[in-house]
Amino acid sequence: MKLKIISCRVFKPELDFLLNNLPAGENRPEIEFLDLKAHNQPDNLREKIQNKINESVNYDAVVLIYGLCGNATAGIKASDIPLYIPKAHDCSQILLGSSKEHKKFFGETPSRAWTSRGYMAEEGDPFRTADSSVEWTLEELIREYGKENAEYVYDVLHASDSESDPVLYFLNVPETEDSDVLAKAHSLARERGKTLKIIPATVSLIARLISGRGGNEILYVPPGAEIQPSWDSSVLKVINSKGVEE
């Protein structure tokens, strides 16, 4: 299968590892990376992603390595080839590999700041903090999806480095671990008077995306269909070309 991957640059270490270890004879996907923290301007990110999808011709499928990401992928449409995307709120859930693992570490504190090797390559503040231009207000979410779902989703979309929180998370993928990066993250946490907690992360979900193995954590978007938020445990849903949920 000939794949086109459109990905946030935060996943570059994991994609480099996976593609450098492809089985012999397997086609190497083409990758286009978009800037880290582009989800801070979801309208602009949505337009960039859609343009990249529309430009992707002569492929069997497009793999989009983003989550809902501040509502940036809401409204994205598959072209004349299928599209695959993780059913995830953001990149932390993708790195943790499943909604179960994400809830395990972020369930009670979804707004906790965190980083990873990919984020540590970013200039400036390498910890993921609030999305500055998330389109949905808490009141709008409550009206549409109920108080419990709305509050959790809103917290996920507004991650912040609270002064009252003594811990910062580092999502560590063993295959891409770098001792210098970890040392730098510990140092930055100490500068803020906090402790860095190492959380085990994984390449498993990204690997399933690029190998076509599928699973419950991945959304299949057929040609011409559209991605929309489900605002439940599935995170994303598909609306077909007739406007009907599949």
C-alpha atoms as a PDB file:
ATOM      1  CA  MET A   1       0.000   0.000   0.000  1.00  0.00           C
ATOM      2  CA  LYS A   2       1.293   3.431  -0.936  1.00  0.00           C
ATOM      3  CA  LEU A   3       0.639   5.841   1.935  1.00  0.00           C
ATOM      4  CA  LYS A   4       0.883   9.574   2.431  1.00  0.00           C
ATOM      5  CA  ILE A   5       1.413  10.652   6.060  1.00  0.00           C
ATOM      6  CA  ILE A   6       0.511  14.150   7.233  1.00  0.00           C
ATOM      7  CA  SER A   7       1.751  14.627  10.769  1.00  0.00           C
ATOM      8  CA  CYS A   8       2.464  17.105  13.518  1.00  0.00           C
ATOM      9  CA  ARG A   9       6.215  17.454  13.909  1.00  0.00           C
ATOM     10  CA  VAL A  10       5.920  16.324  17.540  1.00  0.00           C
ATOM     11  CA  PHE A  11       5.883  12.742  16.233  1.00  0.00           C
ATOM     12  CA  LYS A  12       9.082  13.008  14.168  1.00  0.00           C
ATOM     13  CA  PRO A  13      11.219  10.900  16.576  1.00  0.00           C
ATOM     14  CA  GLU A  14       8.641   8.099  16.601  1.00  0.00           C
ATOM     15  CA  LEU A  15       8.071   8.157  12.843  1.00  0.00           C
ATOM     16  CA  ASP A  16      11.817   8.198  12.174  1.00  0.00           C
ATOM     17  CA  PHE A  17      12.186   5.096  14.350  1.00  0.00           C
ATOM     18  CA  LEU A  18       9.277   3.233  12.761  1.00  0.00           C
ATOM     19  CA  LEU A  19      10.158   4.033   9.152  1.00  0.00           C
ATOM     20  CA  ASN A  20      13.828   3.200   9.686  1.00  0.00           C
ATOM     21  CA  ASN A  21      12.725  -0.227  10.912  1.00  0.00           C
ATOM     22  CA  LEU A  22      10.223  -1.145   8.226  1.00  0.00           C
ATOM     23  CA  PRO A  23      10.333  -4.788   7.096  1.00  0.00           C
ATOM     24  CA  ALA A  24      12.401  -5.419   3.980  1.00  0.00           C
ATOM     25  CA  GLY A  25      10.438  -4.783   0.817  1.00  0.00           C
ATOM     26  CA  GLU A  26       7.706  -2.703   2.448  1.00  0.00           C
ATOM     27  CA  ASN A  27       6.946   0.609   0.760  1.00  0.00           C
ATOM     28  CA  ARG A  28       8.180   3.632   2.682  1.00  0.00           C
ATOM     29  CA  PRO A  29       5.365   6.185   3.137  1.00  0.00           C
ATOM     30  CA  GLU A  30       5.904   9.790   2.154  1.00  0.00           C
ATOM     31  CA  ILE A  31       5.681  12.183   5.121  1.00  0.00           C
ATOM     32  CA  GLU A  32       4.828  15.846   5.367  1.00  0.00           C
ATOM     33  CA  PHE A  33       5.303  17.449   8.774  1.00  0.00           C
ATOM     34  CA  LEU A  34       3.407  20.518   9.926  1.00  0.00           C
ATOM     35  CA  ASP A  35       4.652  22.854  12.638  1.00  0.00           C
ATOM     36  CA  LEU A  36       4.474  22.052  16.322  1.00  0.00           C
ATOM     37  CA  LYS A  37       1.817  23.982  18.245  1.00  0.00           C
ATOM     38  CA  ALA A  38      -0.049  24.799  15.031  1.00  0.00           C
ATOM     39  CA  HIS A  39      -3.184  23.684  16.906  1.00  0.00           C
ATOM     40  CA  ASN A  40      -3.006  27.051  18.682  1.00  0.00           C
ATOM     41  CA  GLN A  41      -4.634  28.420  15.510  1.00  0.00           C
ATOM     42  CA  PRO A  42      -7.116  25.656  14.634  1.00  0.00           C
ATOM     43  CA  ASP A  43      -8.691  27.384  11.630  1.00  0.00           C
ATOM     44  CA  ASN A  44      -5.294  27.826   9.981  1.00  0.00           C
ATOM     45  CA  LEU A  45      -4.233  24.283  10.823  1.00  0.00           C
ATOM     46  CA  ARG A  46      -7.469  22.854   9.416  1.00  0.00           C
ATOM     47  CA  GLU A  47      -6.900  24.693   6.138  1.00  0.00           C
ATOM     48  CA  LYS A  48      -3.294  23.496   5.889  1.00  0.00           C
ATOM     49  CA  ILE A  49      -4.242  19.881   6.577  1.00  0.00           C
ATOM     50  CA  GLN A  50      -7.100  19.964   4.053  1.00  0.00           C
ATOM     51  CA  ASN A  51      -4.828  21.429   1.391  1.00  0.00           C
ATOM     52  CA  LYS A  52      -2.253  18.686   2.004  1.00  0.00           C
ATOM     53  CA  ILE A  53      -4.964  16.025   1.719  1.00  0.00           C
ATOM     54  CA  ASN A  54      -6.303  17.526  -1.512  1.00  0.00           C
ATOM     55  CA  GLU A  55      -2.787  17.604  -2.973  1.00  0.00           C
ATOM     56  CA  SER A  56      -2.189  13.920  -2.175  1.00  0.00           C
ATOM     57  CA  VAL A  57      -2.668  12.030  -5.434  1.00  0.00           C
ATOM     58  CA  ASN A  58      -1.537   8.599  -6.605  1.00  0.00           C
ATOM     59  CA  TYR A  59      -1.727   7.154  -3.077  1.00  0.00           C
ATOM     60  CA  ASP A  60      -3.848   4.333  -1.702  1.00  0.00           C
ATOM     61  CA  ALA A  61      -4.630   6.215   1.523  1.00  0.00           C
ATOM     62  CA  VAL A  62      -3.747   9.241   3.623  1.00  0.00           C
ATOM     63  CA  VAL A  63      -2.761   8.798   7.265  1.00  0.00           C
ATOM     64  CA  LEU A  64      -3.373  11.849   9.424  1.00  0.00           C
ATOM     65  CA  ILE A  65      -1.381  11.793  12.680  1.00  0.00           C
ATOM     66  CA  TYR A  66      -3.381  14.339  14.602  1.00  0.00           C
ATOM     67  CA  GLY A  67      -6.184  14.113  17.115  1.00  0.00           C
ATOM     68  CA  LEU A  68      -9.093  16.502  17.414  1.00  0.00           C
ATOM     69  CA  CYS A  69      -6.411  19.030  18.433  1.00  0.00           C
ATOM     70  CA  GLY A  70      -8.373  22.071  19.529  1.00  0.00           C
ATOM     71  CA  ASN A  71     -11.110  21.222  17.002  1.00  0.00           C
ATOM     72  CA  ALA A  72      -8.592  21.666  14.164  1.00  0.00           C
ATOM     73  CA  THR A  73      -9.555  18.411  12.437  1.00  0.00           C
ATOM     74  CA  ALA A  74     -13.322  18.972  12.723  1.00  0.00           C
ATOM     75  CA  GLY A  75     -14.618  19.353   9.186  1.00  0.00           C
ATOM     76  CA  ILE A  76     -11.626  17.755   7.469  1.00  0.00           C
ATOM     77  CA  LYS A  77     -12.746  15.756   4.418  1.00  0.00           C
ATOM     78  CA  ALA A  78     -11.216  12.757   2.714  1.00  0.00           C
ATOM     79  CA  SER A  79     -10.505  13.314  -0.968  1.00  0.00           C
ATOM     80  CA  ASP A  80     -11.048  10.522  -3.485  1.00  0.00           C
ATOM     81  CA  ILE A  81      -8.922   8.169  -1.384  1.00  0.00           C
ATOM     82  CA  PRO A  82      -9.561   6.955   2.199  1.00  0.00           C
ATOM     83  CA  LEU A  83      -8.243   8.734   5.255  1.00  0.00           C
ATOM     84  CA  TYR A  84      -7.171   7.292   8.616  1.00  0.00           C
ATOM     85  CA  ILE A  85      -6.894   9.298  11.859  1.00  0.00           C
ATOM     86  CA  PRO A  86      -6.516   8.349  15.553  1.00  0.00           C
ATOM     87  CA  LYS A  87      -9.602   8.693  17.729  1.00  0.00           C
ATOM     88  CA  ALA A  88      -7.764  11.005  20.098  1.00  0.00           C
ATOM     89  CA  HIS A  89      -8.202  14.385  21.724  1.00  0.00           C
ATOM     90  CA  ASP A  90      -4.574  15.398  21.244  1.00  0.00           C
ATOM     91  CA  CYS A  91      -1.022  14.160  20.753  1.00  0.00           C
ATOM     92  CA  SER A  92      -0.647  12.992  24.366  1.00  0.00           C
ATOM     93  CA  GLN A  93      -3.338  10.356  23.792  1.00  0.00           C
ATOM     94  CA  ILE A  94      -1.612   9.254  20.580  1.00  0.00           C
ATOM     95  CA  LEU A  95       1.728   8.870  22.385  1.00  0.00           C
ATOM     96  CA  LEU A  96       0.087   6.923  25.218  1.00  0.00           C
ATOM     97  CA  GLY A  97      -1.426   4.569  22.659  1.00  0.00           C
ATOM     98  CA  SER A  98      -5.047   4.401  23.800  1.00  0.00           C
ATOM     99  CA  SER A  99      -7.865   6.239  25.512  1.00  0.00           C
ATOM    100  CA  LYS A 100      -7.518   3.829  28.453  1.00  0.00           C
ATOM    101  CA  GLU A 101      -3.888   4.807  29.069  1.00  0.00           C
ATOM    102  CA  HIS A 102      -4.666   8.488  28.554  1.00  0.00           C
ATOM    103  CA  LYS A 103      -7.417   8.341  31.165  1.00  0.00           C
ATOM    104  CA  LYS A 104      -5.073   6.490  33.522  1.00  0.00           C
ATOM    105  CA  PHE A 105      -2.587   9.376  33.623  1.00  0.00           C
ATOM    106  CA  PHE A 106      -4.709  12.391  32.694  1.00  0.00           C
ATOM    107  CA  GLY A 107      -8.187  11.340  33.840  1.00  0.00           C
ATOM    108  CA  GLU A 108      -8.216  13.400  37.036  1.00  0.00           C
ATOM    109  CA  THR A 109      -5.953  16.181  35.734  1.00  0.00           C
ATOM    110  CA  PRO A 110      -6.535  16.494  31.963  1.00  0.00           C
ATOM    111  CA  SER A 111      -5.084  20.014  31.976  1.00  0.00           C
ATOM    112  CA  ARG A 112      -1.688  18.945  33.332  1.00  0.00           C
ATOM    113  CA  ALA A 113       1.271  20.241  31.325  1.00  0.00           C
ATOM    114  CA  TRP A 114       3.476  17.651  29.638  1.00  0.00           C
ATOM    115  CA  THR A 115       6.254  17.239  27.125  1.00  0.00           C
ATOM    116  CA  SER A 116       7.991  14.583  25.013  1.00  0.00           C
ATOM    117  CA  ARG A 117      11.142  14.220  22.978  1.00  0.00           C
ATOM    118  CA  GLY A 118       9.384  15.762  19.976  1.00  0.00           C
ATOM    119  CA  TYR A 119       8.190  18.739  22.008  1.00  0.00           C
ATOM    120  CA  MET A 120      11.651  19.213  23.529  1.00  0.00           C
ATOM    121  CA  ALA A 121      12.943  19.971  20.032  1.00  0.00           C
ATOM    122  CA  GLU A 122      10.690  23.032  19.945  1.00  0.00           C
ATOM    123  CA  GLU A 123      12.268  26.410  20.505  1.00  0.00           C
ATOM    124  CA  GLY A 124      10.911  28.341  23.469  1.00  0.00           C
ATOM    125  CA  ASP A 125       8.688  26.602  26.013  1.00  0.00           C
ATOM    126  CA  PRO A 126       8.790  22.832  25.341  1.00  0.00           C
ATOM    127  CA  PHE A 127       5.859  22.003  27.626  1.00  0.00           C
ATOM    128  CA  ARG A 128       2.435  21.733  26.071  1.00  0.00           C
ATOM    129  CA  THR A 129       0.271  24.516  27.437  1.00  0.00           C
ATOM    130  CA  ALA A 130      -3.076  26.078  26.627  1.00  0.00           C
ATOM    131  CA  ASP A 131      -4.438  26.201  23.086  1.00  0.00           C
ATOM    132  CA  SER A 132      -4.781  29.919  22.515  1.00  0.00           C
ATOM    133  CA  SER A 133      -7.558  29.827  19.918  1.00  0.00           C
ATOM    134  CA  VAL A 134      -9.785  26.853  20.732  1.00  0.00           C
ATOM    135  CA  GLU A 135     -13.072  27.513  18.974  1.00  0.00           C
ATOM    136  CA  TRP A 136     -15.486  25.970  21.513  1.00  0.00           C
ATOM    137  CA  THR A 137     -16.345  27.739  24.768  1.00  0.00           C
ATOM    138  CA  LEU A 138     -17.267  25.686  27.835  1.00  0.00           C
ATOM    139  CA  GLU A 139     -20.830  26.983  27.666  1.00  0.00           C
ATOM    140  CA  GLU A 140     -21.179  25.873  24.038  1.00  0.00           C
ATOM    141  CA  LEU A 141     -19.845  22.415  24.855  1.00  0.00           C
ATOM    142  CA  ILE A 142     -22.233  22.009  27.788  1.00  0.00           C
ATOM    143  CA  ARG A 143     -25.223  22.980  25.640  1.00  0.00           C
ATOM    144  CA  GLU A 144     -24.273  20.490  22.955  1.00  0.00           C
ATOM    145  CA  TYR A 145     -22.806  17.535  24.852  1.00  0.00           C
ATOM    146  CA  GLY A 146     -23.704  17.708  28.552  1.00  0.00           C
ATOM    147  CA  LYS A 147     -21.806  18.974  31.567  1.00  0.00           C
ATOM    148  CA  GLU A 148     -19.575  15.948  32.303  1.00  0.00           C
ATOM    149  CA  ASN A 149     -18.329  15.429  28.724  1.00  0.00           C
ATOM    150  CA  ALA A 150     -17.984  19.167  28.172  1.00  0.00           C
ATOM    151  CA  GLU A 151     -15.856  19.819  31.254  1.00  0.00           C
ATOM    152  CA  TYR A 152     -13.464  16.959  30.490  1.00  0.00           C
ATOM    153  CA  VAL A 153     -13.019  17.930  26.839  1.00  0.00           C
ATOM    154  CA  TYR A 154     -12.574  21.599  27.727  1.00  0.00           C
ATOM    155  CA  ASP A 155      -9.818  20.706  30.218  1.00  0.00           C
ATOM    156  CA  VAL A 156      -8.063  18.534  27.637  1.00  0.00           C
ATOM    157  CA  LEU A 157      -8.100  21.394  25.134  1.00  0.00           C
ATOM    158  CA  HIS A 158      -6.778  23.884  27.686  1.00  0.00           C
ATOM    159  CA  ALA A 159      -3.734  22.162  29.117  1.00  0.00           C
ATOM    160  CA  SER A 160      -1.801  24.504  31.375  1.00  0.00           C
ATOM    161  CA  ASP A 161       1.183  24.635  33.689  1.00  0.00           C
ATOM    162  CA  SER A 162      -0.665  25.491  36.906  1.00  0.00           C
ATOM    163  CA  GLU A 163       1.408  26.912  39.736  1.00  0.00           C
ATOM    164  CA  SER A 164      -0.466  24.667  42.162  1.00  0.00           C
ATOM    165  CA  ASP A 165       0.492  21.496  40.284  1.00  0.00           C
ATOM    166  CA  PRO A 166       3.864  20.189  41.571  1.00  0.00           C
ATOM    167  CA  VAL A 167       4.359  17.727  38.701  1.00  0.00           C
ATOM    168  CA  LEU A 168       5.176  17.957  34.994  1.00  0.00           C
ATOM    169  CA  TYR A 169       4.837  14.862  32.809  1.00  0.00           C
ATOM    170  CA  PHE A 170       7.386  13.565  30.314  1.00  0.00           C
ATOM    171  CA  LEU A 171       5.862  11.048  27.895  1.00  0.00           C
ATOM    172  CA  ASN A 172       8.815   8.778  27.244  1.00  0.00           C
ATOM    173  CA  VAL A 173       8.878   6.370  24.298  1.00  0.00           C
ATOM    174  CA  PRO A 174      11.589   3.742  25.023  1.00  0.00           C
ATOM    175  CA  GLU A 175      12.568   3.387  21.356  1.00  0.00           C
ATOM    176  CA  THR A 176      13.306   7.108  21.033  1.00  0.00           C
ATOM    177  CA  GLU A 177      14.628   7.790  24.548  1.00  0.00           C
ATOM    178  CA  ASP A 178      17.485  10.289  24.748  1.00  0.00           C
ATOM    179  CA  SER A 179      19.323  10.806  28.050  1.00  0.00           C
ATOM    180  CA  ASP A 180      20.320  14.375  27.154  1.00  0.00           C
ATOM    181  CA  VAL A 181      16.705  15.304  26.408  1.00  0.00           C
ATOM    182  CA  LEU A 182      15.548  13.770  29.696  1.00  0.00           C
ATOM    183  CA  ALA A 183      18.236  15.642  31.610  1.00  0.00           C
ATOM    184  CA  LYS A 184      17.148  18.909  29.996  1.00  0.00           C
ATOM    185  CA  ALA A 185      13.500  18.233  30.887  1.00  0.00           C
ATOM    186  CA  HIS A 186      14.428  17.529  34.526  1.00  0.00           C
ATOM    187  CA  SER A 187      16.378  20.785  34.617  1.00  0.00           C
ATOM    188  CA  LEU A 188      13.470  22.804  33.192  1.00  0.00           C
ATOM    189  CA  ALA A 189      11.086  21.259  35.716  1.00  0.00           C
ATOM    190  CA  ARG A 190      13.418  22.153  38.604  1.00  0.00           C
ATOM    191  CA  GLU A 191      13.606  25.738  37.347  1.00  0.00           C
ATOM    192  CA  ARG A 192       9.841  25.891  37.806  1.00  0.00           C
ATOM    193  CA  GLY A 193      10.067  24.349  41.276  1.00  0.00           C
ATOM    194  CA  LYS A 194       8.447  21.124  40.063  1.00  0.00           C
ATOM    195  CA  THR A 195       9.158  17.427  39.720  1.00  0.00           C
ATOM    196  CA  LEU A 196       9.345  15.741  36.332  1.00  0.00           C
ATOM    197  CA  LYS A 197       7.425  12.472  36.264  1.00  0.00           C
ATOM    198  CA  ILE A 198       8.359  10.008  33.528  1.00  0.00           C
ATOM    199  CA  ILE A 199       5.300   8.381  31.936  1.00  0.00           C
ATOM    200  CA  PRO A 200       5.728   5.312  29.702  1.00  0.00           C
ATOM    201  CA  ALA A 201       4.604   6.079  26.164  1.00  0.00           C
ATOM    202  CA  THR A 202       4.507   3.923  23.049  1.00  0.00           C
ATOM    203  CA  VAL A 203       4.770   3.871  19.256  1.00  0.00           C
ATOM    204  CA  SER A 204       2.017   1.238  19.046  1.00  0.00           C
ATOM    205  CA  LEU A 205      -0.841   3.432  17.824  1.00  0.00           C
ATOM    206  CA  ILE A 206       1.317   5.190  15.234  1.00  0.00           C
ATOM    207  CA  ALA A 207       2.621   1.808  14.094  1.00  0.00           C
ATOM    208  CA  ARG A 208      -0.933   0.530  13.579  1.00  0.00           C
ATOM    209  CA  LEU A 209      -1.799   3.656  11.620  1.00  0.00           C
ATOM    210  CA  ILE A 210       1.029   3.264   9.127  1.00  0.00           C
ATOM    211  CA  SER A 211       0.770  -0.525   8.818  1.00  0.00           C
ATOM    212  CA  GLY A 212      -2.967  -0.603   8.142  1.00  0.00           C
ATOM    213  CA  ARG A 213      -3.694  -2.887  11.093  1.00  0.00           C
ATOM    214  CA  GLY A 214      -6.543  -0.651  12.271  1.00  0.00           C
ATOM    215  CA  GLY A 215      -8.272  -1.158  15.619  1.00  0.00           C
ATOM    216  CA  ASN A 216     -10.790   0.611  17.839  1.00  0.00           C
ATOM    217  CA  GLU A 217      -8.505   3.612  18.339  1.00  0.00           C
ATOM    218  CA  ILE A 218      -8.413   4.476  14.620  1.00  0.00           C
ATOM    219  CA  LEU A 219     -11.133   6.138  12.529  1.00  0.00           C
ATOM    220  CA  TYR A 220     -11.566   5.111   8.899  1.00  0.00           C
ATOM    221  CA  VAL A 221     -12.863   7.972   6.741  1.00  0.00           C
ATOM    222  CA  PRO A 222     -14.040   6.780   3.312  1.00  0.00           C
ATOM    223  CA  PRO A 223     -13.583   8.916   0.189  1.00  0.00           C
ATOM    224  CA  GLY A 224     -15.672  12.095   0.306  1.00  0.00           C
ATOM    225  CA  ALA A 225     -16.621  11.701   3.984  1.00  0.00           C
ATOM    226  CA  GLU A 226     -15.952  14.222   6.746  1.00  0.00           C
ATOM    227  CA  ILE A 227     -14.465  14.106  10.241  1.00  0.00           C
ATOM    228  CA  GLN A 228     -16.548  15.556  13.053  1.00  0.00           C
ATOM    229  CA  PRO A 229     -16.159  15.527  16.857  1.00  0.00           C
ATOM    230  CA  SER A 230     -18.375  13.027  18.650  1.00  0.00           C
ATOM    231  CA  TRP A 231     -17.737  14.526  22.118  1.00  0.00           C
ATOM    232  CA  ASP A 232     -17.909  11.099  23.703  1.00  0.00           C
ATOM    233  CA  SER A 233     -15.393   8.337  24.332  1.00  0.00           C
ATOM    234  CA  SER A 234     -14.927   7.845  20.570  1.00  0.00           C
ATOM    235  CA  VAL A 235     -13.751  11.487  20.218  1.00  0.00           C
ATOM    236  CA  LEU A 236     -14.273  11.544  16.429  1.00  0.00           C
ATOM    237  CA  LYS A 237     -16.957  10.307  14.056  1.00  0.00           C
ATOM    238  CA  VAL A 238     -17.543  10.107  10.298  1.00  0.00           C
ATOM    239  CA  ILE A 239     -20.219  11.994   8.380  1.00  0.00           C
ATOM    240  CA  ASN A 240     -20.668  10.612   4.871  1.00  0.00           C
ATOM    241  CA  SER A 241     -21.118  12.620   1.687  1.00  0.00           C
ATOM    242  CA  LYS A 242     -24.910  12.621   2.249  1.00  0.00           C
ATOM    243  CA  GLY A 243     -24.531  14.226   5.676  1.00  0.00           C
ATOM    244  CA  VAL A 244     -25.359  11.016   7.552  1.00  0.00           C
ATOM    245  CA  GLU A 245     -23.276   9.670  10.443  1.00  0.00           C
ATOM    246  CA  GLU A 246     -21.701   6.298   9.683  1.00  0.00           C
END
